[in-house]
């Protein structure tokens, strides 16, 4: 493996975080603080507990997952879209690095930035509420697998997109609504049976539910089913990336 090539791509992508510190770190932290101030104080005063957990603490996994998904996709998509947009992607494709090494560099950097933000949000949340993490290893597994999976999805979107508008279509019109409707801020047990059944078709529910179980051992679906869904999604995204490089989809034309 060409580790120098992988590290070159990885370091270049990670350096972009330092150049956009306000957008990458400060803005999500401020948004997270607002979630706990608005939802935790306003709604939390009316909803004391959910599943035996205070409403403020109940919010934490959902807020982390919201930021993790959106940032994984945006980092993964912009990382490959910009070289394609300016034409430097052809230099990368002609360099002595394999397809796997290119993906490892870009997706590794995108996932690392999303994970860093996730832990910063976790620390921010601890300033507002008292947290407990019942299963830290399972929490890490969900965070890492989710970051990699959605960074791969972002990578695919970055290659597919023809302009900056298309780049934001899926995160804005698909992912964000799915997160808000996926039990991030409520338990589906609060819904009517019909809407509970509909919610089970929302893939984000399994991510939020699994992460919440690692904190408080409460979930809307079985934690192992959630973990299996994350692994399946990772495999699907990786297969799409392999197909893209084998066919040269929107890379060789």
Protein backbone atom coordinates (compact mmCIF):
# COMPACT_ATOMS: atom_id res chain seq x y z
CA UNK A 1 0.00 0.00 0.00
CA UNK A 2 1.20 3.51 -0.88
CA UNK A 3 0.92 5.03 2.60
CA UNK A 4 2.59 8.26 1.48
CA UNK A 5 -0.14 8.79 -1.11
CA UNK A 6 -2.93 8.02 1.36
CA UNK A 7 -1.42 10.33 3.99
CA UNK A 8 -0.95 13.12 1.44
CA UNK A 9 -4.66 13.06 0.57
CA UNK A 10 -5.65 12.65 4.22
CA UNK A 11 -3.49 15.53 5.47
CA UNK A 12 -4.64 17.85 2.69
CA UNK A 13 -8.29 17.19 3.52
CA UNK A 14 -7.74 17.53 7.26
CA UNK A 15 -5.99 20.87 6.75
CA UNK A 16 -9.23 22.25 5.31
CA UNK A 17 -10.77 22.01 8.80
CA UNK A 18 -8.17 24.43 10.15
CA UNK A 19 -8.85 26.86 7.32
CA UNK A 20 -12.62 26.76 7.92
CA UNK A 21 -12.62 26.51 11.71
CA UNK A 22 -15.77 28.63 12.23
CA UNK A 23 -17.82 26.68 9.70
CA UNK A 24 -16.44 23.27 10.67
CA UNK A 25 -16.37 23.48 14.46
CA UNK A 26 -17.75 26.70 15.94
CA UNK A 27 -21.07 26.74 14.03
CA UNK A 28 -22.07 23.13 14.92
CA UNK A 29 -21.19 23.72 18.58
CA UNK A 30 -23.36 26.85 18.68
CA UNK A 31 -26.20 24.98 16.97
CA UNK A 32 -25.89 22.14 19.48
CA UNK A 33 -26.04 24.60 22.37
CA UNK A 34 -29.22 26.07 20.93
CA UNK A 35 -30.80 22.60 20.70
CA UNK A 36 -30.27 22.05 24.41
CA UNK A 37 -31.35 25.57 25.36
CA UNK A 38 -34.52 25.54 23.23
CA UNK A 39 -35.54 21.87 23.29
CA UNK A 40 -34.12 21.03 26.70
CA UNK A 41 -35.49 24.08 28.51
CA UNK A 42 -38.72 24.80 26.64
CA UNK A 43 -39.90 21.30 25.80
CA UNK A 44 -38.05 19.60 28.64
CA UNK A 45 -40.09 21.55 31.17
CA UNK A 46 -43.20 19.80 29.76
CA UNK A 47 -41.67 16.39 29.05
CA UNK A 48 -39.86 15.40 32.22
CA UNK A 49 -38.67 11.94 31.19
CA UNK A 50 -38.61 9.62 28.19
CA UNK A 51 -38.00 5.98 28.97
CA UNK A 52 -36.79 6.85 32.44
CA UNK A 53 -34.24 9.37 31.12
CA UNK A 54 -34.49 13.15 31.41
CA UNK A 55 -35.53 14.76 28.14
CA UNK A 56 -32.31 16.77 27.90
CA UNK A 57 -30.21 13.60 28.17
CA UNK A 58 -32.57 11.81 25.75
CA UNK A 59 -31.74 14.44 23.10
CA UNK A 60 -27.98 13.88 23.14
CA UNK A 61 -27.73 10.80 20.85
CA UNK A 62 -30.16 12.36 18.36
CA UNK A 63 -28.24 15.64 18.20
CA UNK A 64 -24.94 13.80 17.80
CA UNK A 65 -26.37 11.64 15.02
CA UNK A 66 -27.84 14.65 13.23
CA UNK A 67 -24.47 16.39 13.12
CA UNK A 68 -22.58 13.19 12.37
CA UNK A 69 -24.69 12.36 9.31
CA UNK A 70 -24.78 15.85 7.82
CA UNK A 71 -21.06 16.50 8.35
CA UNK A 72 -19.96 13.07 7.12
CA UNK A 73 -21.87 13.62 3.88
CA UNK A 74 -20.78 17.22 3.38
CA UNK A 75 -17.11 16.47 4.09
CA UNK A 76 -17.10 13.37 1.91
CA UNK A 77 -18.90 15.02 -1.00
CA UNK A 78 -17.00 18.31 -1.09
CA UNK A 79 -13.65 16.55 -0.71
CA UNK A 80 -13.97 14.77 -4.08
CA UNK A 81 -16.30 17.25 -5.81
CA UNK A 82 -13.90 20.19 -5.65
CA UNK A 83 -10.99 18.35 -7.39
CA UNK A 84 -13.47 17.18 -10.01
CA UNK A 85 -14.81 20.75 -10.38
CA UNK A 86 -11.37 22.33 -10.92
CA UNK A 87 -9.98 19.38 -12.90
CA UNK A 88 -7.28 18.25 -10.50
CA UNK A 89 -9.02 14.88 -10.02
CA UNK A 90 -7.26 13.68 -13.19
CA UNK A 91 -3.89 14.26 -11.55
CA UNK A 92 -5.05 12.14 -8.60
CA UNK A 93 -6.29 9.38 -10.92
CA UNK A 94 -2.98 9.34 -12.81
CA UNK A 95 -0.88 9.32 -9.63
CA UNK A 96 0.66 6.03 -8.40
CA UNK A 97 -2.15 5.39 -5.92
CA UNK A 98 -4.81 2.73 -6.22
CA UNK A 99 -8.57 3.21 -6.13
CA UNK A 100 -8.69 1.86 -2.60
CA UNK A 101 -5.97 4.27 -1.47
CA UNK A 102 -7.77 7.28 -2.97
CA UNK A 103 -11.01 6.32 -1.24
CA UNK A 104 -9.14 5.59 2.00
CA UNK A 105 -7.58 9.06 1.99
CA UNK A 106 -10.74 11.03 1.20
CA UNK A 107 -13.23 8.97 3.20
CA UNK A 108 -10.81 8.55 6.12
CA UNK A 109 -10.42 12.33 6.38
CA UNK A 110 -14.17 12.96 6.09
CA UNK A 111 -14.95 10.35 8.75
CA UNK A 112 -12.21 11.69 11.04
CA UNK A 113 -13.61 15.23 10.86
CA UNK A 114 -17.14 13.98 11.54
CA UNK A 115 -15.94 11.91 14.52
CA UNK A 116 -14.00 14.87 15.91
CA UNK A 117 -17.12 17.00 15.68
CA UNK A 118 -19.19 14.24 17.31
CA UNK A 119 -16.90 14.15 20.33
CA UNK A 120 -16.87 17.96 20.57
CA UNK A 121 -20.69 17.92 20.59
CA UNK A 122 -20.61 15.21 23.28
CA UNK A 123 -18.37 17.44 25.42
CA UNK A 124 -20.63 20.43 24.73
CA UNK A 125 -23.69 18.42 25.81
CA UNK A 126 -21.96 17.48 29.07
CA UNK A 127 -21.86 21.17 29.97
CA UNK A 128 -25.66 21.31 29.96
CA UNK A 129 -26.68 17.93 31.34
CA UNK A 130 -25.27 15.01 33.29
CA UNK A 131 -24.37 12.24 30.87
CA UNK A 132 -23.82 8.54 31.36
CA UNK A 133 -22.60 6.11 28.73
CA UNK A 134 -23.52 2.54 29.59
CA UNK A 135 -21.67 0.89 26.69
CA UNK A 136 -18.80 3.10 25.41
CA UNK A 137 -17.45 0.45 23.01
CA UNK A 138 -20.80 0.04 21.30
CA UNK A 139 -21.12 3.84 21.17
CA UNK A 140 -17.71 4.03 19.44
CA UNK A 141 -18.74 1.28 17.02
CA UNK A 142 -21.88 3.17 16.00
CA UNK A 143 -20.03 6.47 15.67
CA UNK A 144 -17.19 5.03 13.59
CA UNK A 145 -19.35 2.85 11.32
CA UNK A 146 -21.85 5.65 10.76
CA UNK A 147 -19.12 8.17 9.96
CA UNK A 148 -17.47 5.84 7.45
CA UNK A 149 -20.78 4.80 5.85
CA UNK A 150 -22.07 8.32 5.30
CA UNK A 151 -18.66 9.63 4.26
CA UNK A 152 -18.77 6.97 1.53
CA UNK A 153 -22.28 8.17 0.64
CA UNK A 154 -20.95 11.72 0.48
CA UNK A 155 -18.08 10.55 -1.74
CA UNK A 156 -20.63 9.01 -4.13
CA UNK A 157 -22.69 12.22 -4.14
CA UNK A 158 -19.58 14.30 -4.80
CA UNK A 159 -18.85 12.29 -7.94
CA UNK A 160 -22.50 12.30 -9.05
CA UNK A 161 -23.12 16.03 -8.54
CA UNK A 162 -22.80 18.37 -11.52
CA UNK A 163 -22.98 21.60 -9.50
CA UNK A 164 -23.03 22.90 -5.93
CA UNK A 165 -26.84 22.85 -5.85
CA UNK A 166 -26.95 19.10 -6.53
CA UNK A 167 -24.28 18.66 -3.86
CA UNK A 168 -26.70 19.92 -1.19
CA UNK A 169 -29.89 18.24 -2.44
CA UNK A 170 -29.55 14.92 -0.59
CA UNK A 171 -28.30 16.31 2.76
CA UNK A 172 -30.97 19.05 2.80
CA UNK A 173 -34.00 17.33 1.30
CA UNK A 174 -33.41 13.71 2.31
CA UNK A 175 -31.05 13.23 5.24
CA UNK A 176 -32.19 16.12 7.48
CA UNK A 177 -35.93 15.23 7.25
CA UNK A 178 -35.13 11.56 7.90
CA UNK A 179 -33.15 12.52 11.01
CA UNK A 180 -35.92 14.72 12.39
CA UNK A 181 -38.51 12.00 11.68
CA UNK A 182 -36.24 9.20 12.89
CA UNK A 183 -36.76 9.51 16.63
CA UNK A 184 -33.94 11.98 17.22
CA UNK A 185 -36.07 14.22 19.45
CA UNK A 186 -38.78 11.79 20.51
CA UNK A 187 -39.46 8.11 21.04
CA UNK A 188 -41.69 6.43 18.46
CA UNK A 189 -43.61 4.98 21.41
CA UNK A 190 -45.18 8.44 21.66
CA UNK A 191 -46.74 7.99 18.20
CA UNK A 192 -49.93 6.25 17.12
CA UNK A 193 -49.45 2.61 16.07
CA UNK A 194 -49.80 3.54 12.37
CA UNK A 195 -46.99 6.12 12.53
CA UNK A 196 -44.87 3.76 14.62
CA UNK A 197 -45.04 1.27 11.77
CA UNK A 198 -44.20 3.96 9.20
CA UNK A 199 -41.22 5.08 11.31
CA UNK A 200 -39.73 1.58 11.12
CA UNK A 201 -39.11 2.18 7.40
CA UNK A 202 -36.91 5.17 8.24
CA UNK A 203 -33.28 3.93 8.17
CA UNK A 204 -32.07 6.75 10.41
CA UNK A 205 -34.29 5.45 13.23
CA UNK A 206 -32.00 2.42 13.54
CA UNK A 207 -28.91 4.61 13.80
CA UNK A 208 -30.36 6.93 16.45
CA UNK A 209 -31.93 4.06 18.37
CA UNK A 210 -28.70 2.05 18.45
CA UNK A 211 -26.63 5.02 19.59
CA UNK A 212 -29.19 5.88 22.27
CA UNK A 213 -29.07 2.29 23.57
CA UNK A 214 -25.30 2.58 24.02
CA UNK A 215 -25.95 5.56 26.31
CA UNK A 216 -29.00 4.56 28.35
CA UNK A 217 -29.92 1.00 27.32
CA UNK A 218 -33.24 2.22 25.90
CA UNK A 219 -34.12 1.91 22.22
CA UNK A 220 -37.01 1.77 19.78
CA UNK A 221 -35.54 -1.21 17.89
CA UNK A 222 -33.13 -4.01 18.78
CA UNK A 223 -29.55 -2.74 19.06
CA UNK A 224 -28.09 -5.66 17.10
CA UNK A 225 -30.54 -5.07 14.29
CA UNK A 226 -29.40 -1.43 14.29
CA UNK A 227 -25.75 -2.46 14.11
CA UNK A 228 -26.52 -4.88 11.29
CA UNK A 229 -28.27 -2.13 9.32
CA UNK A 230 -25.21 0.13 9.64
CA UNK A 231 -22.90 -2.62 8.40
CA UNK A 232 -25.22 -3.40 5.48
CA UNK A 233 -25.37 0.26 4.48
CA UNK A 234 -21.57 0.51 4.65
CA UNK A 235 -21.24 -2.51 2.36
CA UNK A 236 -23.75 -1.07 -0.13
CA UNK A 237 -21.95 2.30 -0.26
CA UNK A 238 -18.55 0.65 -0.66
CA UNK A 239 -19.90 -1.48 -3.50
CA UNK A 240 -21.13 1.66 -5.27
CA UNK A 241 -17.71 3.28 -4.92
CA UNK A 242 -16.03 0.18 -6.40
CA UNK A 243 -18.49 0.30 -9.32
CA UNK A 244 -17.77 4.02 -9.91
CA UNK A 245 -14.02 3.49 -10.21
CA UNK A 246 -14.34 0.35 -12.30
CA UNK A 247 -16.62 2.04 -14.82
CA UNK A 248 -15.12 5.54 -14.58
CA UNK A 249 -18.57 7.00 -13.95
CA UNK A 250 -18.28 10.83 -14.30
CA UNK A 251 -14.53 10.58 -13.82
CA UNK A 252 -13.18 9.67 -17.25
CA UNK A 253 -15.48 11.87 -19.32
